[in-house]
Amino acid sequence: MYVCSCFGVTEQQVKDHAAAGACTPRQIASASKAGTDCGGCVRTIQAMLGRGACPRRELLERKQAPATAAAPGEGLPEAA
């Protein structure tokens, strides 16, 4: 089934681009032009991508998470 009728992009093509590492509608657009004309398919593409595992998204979330400091003495080897 077509996701983007403006450029003839199918669901399978979106899934293939996602499997190749495209994690956002913008990355799908870069790979296929889907969503760059009328924009009517962008929400469908967002729904298809969901919030699943994405290496780039996971890296961004790790960078945004505040670093927690270890309590004094934690993480240090104990003296024998």
C-alpha atoms as a PDB file:
ATOM      1  CA  MET A   1       0.000   0.000   0.000  1.00  0.00           C
ATOM      2  CA  TYR A   2       1.196   3.532  -0.732  1.00  0.00           C
ATOM      3  CA  VAL A   3       2.153   5.719   2.194  1.00  0.00           C
ATOM      4  CA  CYS A   4       3.123   8.720   0.055  1.00  0.00           C
ATOM      5  CA  SER A   5       1.064   9.107  -3.084  1.00  0.00           C
ATOM      6  CA  CYS A   6       3.014  12.216  -4.139  1.00  0.00           C
ATOM      7  CA  PHE A   7       6.193  10.208  -4.681  1.00  0.00           C
ATOM      8  CA  GLY A   8       4.807   6.660  -4.832  1.00  0.00           C
ATOM      9  CA  VAL A   9       6.514   5.472  -1.635  1.00  0.00           C
ATOM     10  CA  THR A  10       5.115   2.231  -0.226  1.00  0.00           C
ATOM     11  CA  GLU A  11       4.874   0.912   3.326  1.00  0.00           C
ATOM     12  CA  GLN A  12       7.539  -1.650   2.476  1.00  0.00           C
ATOM     13  CA  GLN A  13       9.933   1.053   1.302  1.00  0.00           C
ATOM     14  CA  VAL A  14       9.446   2.967   4.557  1.00  0.00           C
ATOM     15  CA  LYS A  15      10.055  -0.251   6.519  1.00  0.00           C
ATOM     16  CA  ASP A  16      13.196  -0.959   4.462  1.00  0.00           C
ATOM     17  CA  HIS A  17      14.571   2.538   5.104  1.00  0.00           C
ATOM     18  CA  ALA A  18      13.769   2.166   8.811  1.00  0.00           C
ATOM     19  CA  ALA A  19      15.571  -1.184   8.895  1.00  0.00           C
ATOM     20  CA  ALA A  20      18.555   0.513   7.260  1.00  0.00           C
ATOM     21  CA  GLY A  21      18.697   3.056  10.094  1.00  0.00           C
ATOM     22  CA  ALA A  22      16.216   5.837   9.303  1.00  0.00           C
ATOM     23  CA  CYS A  23      14.569   6.574  12.659  1.00  0.00           C
ATOM     24  CA  THR A  24      12.608   9.753  12.010  1.00  0.00           C
ATOM     25  CA  PRO A  25      10.213  11.036   9.354  1.00  0.00           C
ATOM     26  CA  ARG A  26      12.921  13.499   8.310  1.00  0.00           C
ATOM     27  CA  GLN A  27      15.373  10.648   7.712  1.00  0.00           C
ATOM     28  CA  ILE A  28      12.722   8.758   5.740  1.00  0.00           C
ATOM     29  CA  ALA A  29      12.180  11.940   3.694  1.00  0.00           C
ATOM     30  CA  SER A  30      15.906  12.187   2.986  1.00  0.00           C
ATOM     31  CA  ALA A  31      15.969   8.608   1.790  1.00  0.00           C
ATOM     32  CA  SER A  32      12.733   8.586  -0.250  1.00  0.00           C
ATOM     33  CA  LYS A  33      11.245  12.120  -0.499  1.00  0.00           C
ATOM     34  CA  ALA A  34       8.134  10.830   1.331  1.00  0.00           C
ATOM     35  CA  GLY A  35       6.552  13.673   3.281  1.00  0.00           C
ATOM     36  CA  THR A  36       8.334  16.476   1.420  1.00  0.00           C
ATOM     37  CA  ASP A  37       5.508  17.580  -0.887  1.00  0.00           C
ATOM     38  CA  CYS A  38       2.025  17.875   0.641  1.00  0.00           C
ATOM     39  CA  GLY A  39       3.024  16.392   4.035  1.00  0.00           C
ATOM     40  CA  GLY A  40      -0.116  14.282   4.275  1.00  0.00           C
ATOM     41  CA  CYS A  41       1.854  11.109   4.917  1.00  0.00           C
ATOM     42  CA  VAL A  42       4.087  12.384   7.727  1.00  0.00           C
ATOM     43  CA  ARG A  43       1.755  11.221  10.528  1.00  0.00           C
ATOM     44  CA  THR A  44       1.466   7.794   8.920  1.00  0.00           C
ATOM     45  CA  ILE A  45       5.254   7.559   8.728  1.00  0.00           C
ATOM     46  CA  GLN A  46       5.518   8.657  12.381  1.00  0.00           C
ATOM     47  CA  ALA A  47       3.046   5.941  13.352  1.00  0.00           C
ATOM     48  CA  MET A  48       4.973   3.337  11.382  1.00  0.00           C
ATOM     49  CA  LEU A  49       8.266   4.295  13.047  1.00  0.00           C
ATOM     50  CA  GLY A  50       6.710   4.416  16.519  1.00  0.00           C
ATOM     51  CA  ARG A  51       8.989   4.617  19.504  1.00  0.00           C
ATOM     52  CA  GLY A  52      10.777   1.382  18.774  1.00  0.00           C
ATOM     53  CA  ALA A  53      14.452   0.698  19.204  1.00  0.00           C
ATOM     54  CA  CYS A  54      16.566   3.112  17.236  1.00  0.00           C
ATOM     55  CA  PRO A  55      20.327   3.348  17.738  1.00  0.00           C
ATOM     56  CA  ARG A  56      20.383   7.082  16.993  1.00  0.00           C
ATOM     57  CA  ARG A  57      17.405   7.781  19.269  1.00  0.00           C
ATOM     58  CA  GLU A  58      18.979   5.728  22.059  1.00  0.00           C
ATOM     59  CA  LEU A  59      22.203   7.735  21.759  1.00  0.00           C
ATOM     60  CA  LEU A  60      20.298  11.031  21.917  1.00  0.00           C
ATOM     61  CA  GLU A  61      18.309   9.911  24.953  1.00  0.00           C
ATOM     62  CA  ARG A  62      21.502   8.860  26.743  1.00  0.00           C
ATOM     63  CA  LYS A  63      23.093  12.254  26.053  1.00  0.00           C
ATOM     64  CA  GLN A  64      20.009  14.074  27.368  1.00  0.00           C
ATOM     65  CA  ALA A  65      19.736  12.005  30.557  1.00  0.00           C
ATOM     66  CA  PRO A  66      21.489  13.702  33.480  1.00  0.00           C
ATOM     67  CA  ALA A  67      24.608  11.914  34.631  1.00  0.00           C
ATOM     68  CA  THR A  68      24.237  10.514  38.112  1.00  0.00           C
ATOM     69  CA  ALA A  69      27.190  10.871  40.421  1.00  0.00           C
ATOM     70  CA  ALA A  70      28.284   7.845  42.359  1.00  0.00           C
ATOM     71  CA  ALA A  71      28.007   8.013  46.138  1.00  0.00           C
ATOM     72  CA  PRO A  72      31.317   8.437  47.972  1.00  0.00           C
ATOM     73  CA  GLY A  73      33.180   5.168  47.969  1.00  0.00           C
ATOM     74  CA  GLU A  74      30.929   3.558  45.352  1.00  0.00           C
ATOM     75  CA  GLY A  75      32.620   1.976  42.389  1.00  0.00           C
ATOM     76  CA  LEU A  76      36.009   1.869  44.081  1.00  0.00           C
ATOM     77  CA  PRO A  77      37.674  -1.451  44.786  1.00  0.00           C
ATOM     78  CA  GLU A  78      37.715  -2.410  48.421  1.00  0.00           C
ATOM     79  CA  ALA A  79      41.075  -2.560  50.151  1.00  0.00           C
ATOM     80  CA  ALA A  80      42.081  -6.058  51.120  1.00  0.00           C
END
